[in-house]
C-alpha cells in the first residue's frame, strides 16, 4: 500500500466505530458547571453528581473538574472559598458563580441554542434523505 494510505495515516475519530461520546460531552462541561453553580455554591464532588443529573453519563475524572474550576476561577467566572465546617472530613473548596460568570453563561447558552438549531436541522435533513433513499 502506498505511503499515506489508511494504514499510514492517523485520523481524528478513526475509521472504526468507537465510542466518542466522552469527547463530545467535554465541550459542554464548562457551561454545565456554571449552570450548576447558579443555584448555590458547590464543591467538586457535588458538581459531578449534578453533571450526571444533566445527562452527562460517562464518568468525569475529578482532576478534569478541578482543572476546569481553576480555569474558570482564573477567568473570574467563579470564585472559591474554603468550607471548613463541612460535616465529616477535611475542609473543601466550594465554588460560586460570579456576575461575570452569569454573563458568560448567558452567552454560552445563546451559542448552544444556535448549535441545537443547527444540529436539529442537520438531523432532520439526514432523516429525510435516509427515508427517501432507503425505500
C-alpha atoms as a PDB file:
ATOM      1  CA  UNK A   1       0.000   0.000   0.000  1.00  0.00           C
ATOM      2  CA  UNK A   2       1.237   3.497  -0.799  1.00  0.00           C
ATOM      3  CA  UNK A   3       2.597   5.676   1.998  1.00  0.00           C
ATOM      4  CA  UNK A   4      -0.111   7.804   3.490  1.00  0.00           C
ATOM      5  CA  UNK A   5      -2.723   5.143   2.821  1.00  0.00           C
ATOM      6  CA  UNK A   6      -5.199   4.125   5.503  1.00  0.00           C
ATOM      7  CA  UNK A   7      -2.607   2.252   7.479  1.00  0.00           C
ATOM      8  CA  UNK A   8      -0.040   5.029   7.362  1.00  0.00           C
ATOM      9  CA  UNK A   9      -2.415   7.784   8.436  1.00  0.00           C
ATOM     10  CA  UNK A  10      -3.902   8.609  11.753  1.00  0.00           C
ATOM     11  CA  UNK A  11      -7.393  10.018  11.549  1.00  0.00           C
ATOM     12  CA  UNK A  12      -9.076  12.031  14.215  1.00  0.00           C
ATOM     13  CA  UNK A  13     -12.081   9.907  15.030  1.00  0.00           C
ATOM     14  CA  UNK A  14     -10.565   6.874  13.340  1.00  0.00           C
ATOM     15  CA  UNK A  15     -12.118   4.542  10.851  1.00  0.00           C
ATOM     16  CA  UNK A  16     -13.916   2.152  13.152  1.00  0.00           C
ATOM     17  CA  UNK A  17     -16.984   2.703  15.266  1.00  0.00           C
ATOM     18  CA  UNK A  18     -15.891   3.575  18.720  1.00  0.00           C
ATOM     19  CA  UNK A  19     -17.491   5.492  21.482  1.00  0.00           C
ATOM     20  CA  UNK A  20     -16.645   9.175  21.013  1.00  0.00           C
ATOM     21  CA  UNK A  21     -19.312  10.413  23.394  1.00  0.00           C
ATOM     22  CA  UNK A  22     -16.916  11.480  26.157  1.00  0.00           C
ATOM     23  CA  UNK A  23     -15.087  13.755  23.717  1.00  0.00           C
ATOM     24  CA  UNK A  24     -18.360  15.360  22.631  1.00  0.00           C
ATOM     25  CA  UNK A  25     -19.569  15.834  26.197  1.00  0.00           C
ATOM     26  CA  UNK A  26     -16.388  17.546  27.362  1.00  0.00           C
ATOM     27  CA  UNK A  27     -17.210  20.652  25.353  1.00  0.00           C
ATOM     28  CA  UNK A  28     -20.364  21.056  27.426  1.00  0.00           C
ATOM     29  CA  UNK A  29     -18.708  20.756  30.836  1.00  0.00           C
ATOM     30  CA  UNK A  30     -17.931  24.449  31.231  1.00  0.00           C
ATOM     31  CA  UNK A  31     -21.476  25.747  30.663  1.00  0.00           C
ATOM     32  CA  UNK A  32     -22.897  22.799  32.631  1.00  0.00           C
ATOM     33  CA  UNK A  33     -20.734  23.592  35.651  1.00  0.00           C
ATOM     34  CA  UNK A  34     -21.595  27.284  35.512  1.00  0.00           C
ATOM     35  CA  UNK A  35     -25.259  26.325  35.280  1.00  0.00           C
ATOM     36  CA  UNK A  36     -24.979  24.031  38.300  1.00  0.00           C
ATOM     37  CA  UNK A  37     -23.444  26.857  40.313  1.00  0.00           C
ATOM     38  CA  UNK A  38     -26.442  29.137  39.610  1.00  0.00           C
ATOM     39  CA  UNK A  39     -28.482  27.724  42.492  1.00  0.00           C
ATOM     40  CA  UNK A  40     -25.881  27.511  45.218  1.00  0.00           C
ATOM     41  CA  UNK A  41     -22.153  27.217  45.882  1.00  0.00           C
ATOM     42  CA  UNK A  42     -20.897  23.649  45.467  1.00  0.00           C
ATOM     43  CA  UNK A  43     -17.763  21.568  45.771  1.00  0.00           C
ATOM     44  CA  UNK A  44     -16.372  19.378  43.001  1.00  0.00           C
ATOM     45  CA  UNK A  45     -17.950  16.068  44.009  1.00  0.00           C
ATOM     46  CA  UNK A  46     -21.412  17.658  44.196  1.00  0.00           C
ATOM     47  CA  UNK A  47     -20.868  19.077  40.703  1.00  0.00           C
ATOM     48  CA  UNK A  48     -20.129  15.604  39.332  1.00  0.00           C
ATOM     49  CA  UNK A  49     -23.476  14.409  40.691  1.00  0.00           C
ATOM     50  CA  UNK A  50     -25.167  17.384  39.059  1.00  0.00           C
ATOM     51  CA  UNK A  51     -23.491  16.620  35.733  1.00  0.00           C
ATOM     52  CA  UNK A  52     -24.935  13.120  35.851  1.00  0.00           C
ATOM     53  CA  UNK A  53     -28.389  14.586  36.517  1.00  0.00           C
ATOM     54  CA  UNK A  54     -27.939  16.747  33.404  1.00  0.00           C
ATOM     55  CA  UNK A  55     -27.332  13.629  31.330  1.00  0.00           C
ATOM     56  CA  UNK A  56     -23.535  13.613  31.156  1.00  0.00           C
ATOM     57  CA  UNK A  57     -23.391   9.926  31.921  1.00  0.00           C
ATOM     58  CA  UNK A  58     -19.803   8.953  31.251  1.00  0.00           C
ATOM     59  CA  UNK A  59     -17.534   9.261  34.246  1.00  0.00           C
ATOM     60  CA  UNK A  60     -15.827  12.620  34.535  1.00  0.00           C
ATOM     61  CA  UNK A  61     -12.445  12.481  36.206  1.00  0.00           C
ATOM     62  CA  UNK A  62     -12.223  14.711  39.284  1.00  0.00           C
ATOM     63  CA  UNK A  63      -8.923  16.140  38.062  1.00  0.00           C
ATOM     64  CA  UNK A  64     -10.762  17.352  34.937  1.00  0.00           C
ATOM     65  CA  UNK A  65     -13.421  19.030  37.080  1.00  0.00           C
ATOM     66  CA  UNK A  66     -10.916  20.751  39.350  1.00  0.00           C
ATOM     67  CA  UNK A  67      -8.739  21.837  36.421  1.00  0.00           C
ATOM     68  CA  UNK A  68     -11.821  23.330  34.786  1.00  0.00           C
ATOM     69  CA  UNK A  69     -12.860  25.053  38.022  1.00  0.00           C
ATOM     70  CA  UNK A  70      -9.372  26.557  38.453  1.00  0.00           C
ATOM     71  CA  UNK A  71      -9.553  27.834  34.869  1.00  0.00           C
ATOM     72  CA  UNK A  72     -12.999  29.336  35.437  1.00  0.00           C
ATOM     73  CA  UNK A  73     -11.697  30.988  38.590  1.00  0.00           C
ATOM     74  CA  UNK A  74      -8.659  32.384  36.755  1.00  0.00           C
ATOM     75  CA  UNK A  75     -11.077  33.922  34.210  1.00  0.00           C
ATOM     76  CA  UNK A  76     -13.149  35.477  37.007  1.00  0.00           C
ATOM     77  CA  UNK A  77     -16.213  33.372  36.206  1.00  0.00           C
ATOM     78  CA  UNK A  78     -16.271  31.619  39.588  1.00  0.00           C
ATOM     79  CA  UNK A  79     -14.790  32.275  42.996  1.00  0.00           C
ATOM     80  CA  UNK A  80     -13.901  29.754  45.659  1.00  0.00           C
ATOM     81  CA  UNK A  81     -13.770  29.677  49.421  1.00  0.00           C
ATOM     82  CA  UNK A  82     -12.847  27.012  51.929  1.00  0.00           C
ATOM     83  CA  UNK A  83     -15.719  25.293  53.702  1.00  0.00           C
ATOM     84  CA  UNK A  84     -14.122  24.378  56.997  1.00  0.00           C
ATOM     85  CA  UNK A  85     -17.405  23.419  58.602  1.00  0.00           C
ATOM     86  CA  UNK A  86     -18.474  20.601  56.307  1.00  0.00           C
ATOM     87  CA  UNK A  87     -19.603  17.568  58.210  1.00  0.00           C
ATOM     88  CA  UNK A  88     -17.058  14.780  58.348  1.00  0.00           C
ATOM     89  CA  UNK A  89     -13.792  15.278  56.609  1.00  0.00           C
ATOM     90  CA  UNK A  90     -11.266  17.912  55.756  1.00  0.00           C
ATOM     91  CA  UNK A  91     -12.193  21.393  54.517  1.00  0.00           C
ATOM     92  CA  UNK A  92     -13.360  21.544  50.918  1.00  0.00           C
ATOM     93  CA  UNK A  93     -13.067  24.258  48.331  1.00  0.00           C
ATOM     94  CA  UNK A  94     -16.551  25.497  47.432  1.00  0.00           C
ATOM     95  CA  UNK A  95     -17.216  27.344  44.176  1.00  0.00           C
ATOM     96  CA  UNK A  96     -19.712  30.112  43.397  1.00  0.00           C
ATOM     97  CA  UNK A  97     -20.598  31.770  40.107  1.00  0.00           C
ATOM     98  CA  UNK A  98     -19.725  35.468  39.740  1.00  0.00           C
ATOM     99  CA  UNK A  99     -21.620  38.200  37.882  1.00  0.00           C
ATOM    100  CA  UNK A 100     -19.126  37.797  35.041  1.00  0.00           C
ATOM    101  CA  UNK A 101     -19.829  34.050  35.153  1.00  0.00           C
ATOM    102  CA  UNK A 102     -23.568  34.723  34.814  1.00  0.00           C
ATOM    103  CA  UNK A 103     -22.958  36.916  31.762  1.00  0.00           C
ATOM    104  CA  UNK A 104     -20.649  34.333  30.217  1.00  0.00           C
ATOM    105  CA  UNK A 105     -23.169  31.548  30.883  1.00  0.00           C
ATOM    106  CA  UNK A 106     -25.871  33.567  29.110  1.00  0.00           C
ATOM    107  CA  UNK A 107     -23.606  33.931  26.053  1.00  0.00           C
ATOM    108  CA  UNK A 108     -22.801  30.206  26.162  1.00  0.00           C
ATOM    109  CA  UNK A 109     -26.494  29.346  26.300  1.00  0.00           C
ATOM    110  CA  UNK A 110     -27.197  31.604  23.303  1.00  0.00           C
ATOM    111  CA  UNK A 111     -24.435  29.802  21.383  1.00  0.00           C
ATOM    112  CA  UNK A 112     -25.790  26.411  22.452  1.00  0.00           C
ATOM    113  CA  UNK A 113     -29.290  27.381  21.287  1.00  0.00           C
ATOM    114  CA  UNK A 114     -27.827  28.154  17.860  1.00  0.00           C
ATOM    115  CA  UNK A 115     -25.922  24.871  17.873  1.00  0.00           C
ATOM    116  CA  UNK A 116     -29.075  22.992  18.869  1.00  0.00           C
ATOM    117  CA  UNK A 117     -30.983  24.575  15.952  1.00  0.00           C
ATOM    118  CA  UNK A 118     -28.203  23.680  13.525  1.00  0.00           C
ATOM    119  CA  UNK A 119     -27.996  20.112  14.815  1.00  0.00           C
ATOM    120  CA  UNK A 120     -31.762  19.747  14.666  1.00  0.00           C
ATOM    121  CA  UNK A 121     -31.793  20.865  11.044  1.00  0.00           C
ATOM    122  CA  UNK A 122     -28.896  18.559  10.157  1.00  0.00           C
ATOM    123  CA  UNK A 123     -30.511  15.540  11.815  1.00  0.00           C
ATOM    124  CA  UNK A 124     -33.845  16.348  10.175  1.00  0.00           C
ATOM    125  CA  UNK A 125     -32.235  16.655   6.733  1.00  0.00           C
ATOM    126  CA  UNK A 126     -30.359  13.395   7.280  1.00  0.00           C
ATOM    127  CA  UNK A 127     -33.509  11.582   8.422  1.00  0.00           C
ATOM    128  CA  UNK A 128     -35.427  12.919   5.410  1.00  0.00           C
ATOM    129  CA  UNK A 129     -32.702  11.762   2.997  1.00  0.00           C
ATOM    130  CA  UNK A 130     -32.403   8.336   4.630  1.00  0.00           C
ATOM    131  CA  UNK A 131     -36.172   7.829   4.488  1.00  0.00           C
ATOM    132  CA  UNK A 132     -36.221   8.909   0.847  1.00  0.00           C
ATOM    133  CA  UNK A 133     -33.233   6.790  -0.273  1.00  0.00           C
ATOM    134  CA  UNK A 134     -33.934   3.661   1.795  1.00  0.00           C
ATOM    135  CA  UNK A 135     -37.389   2.931   0.390  1.00  0.00           C
END
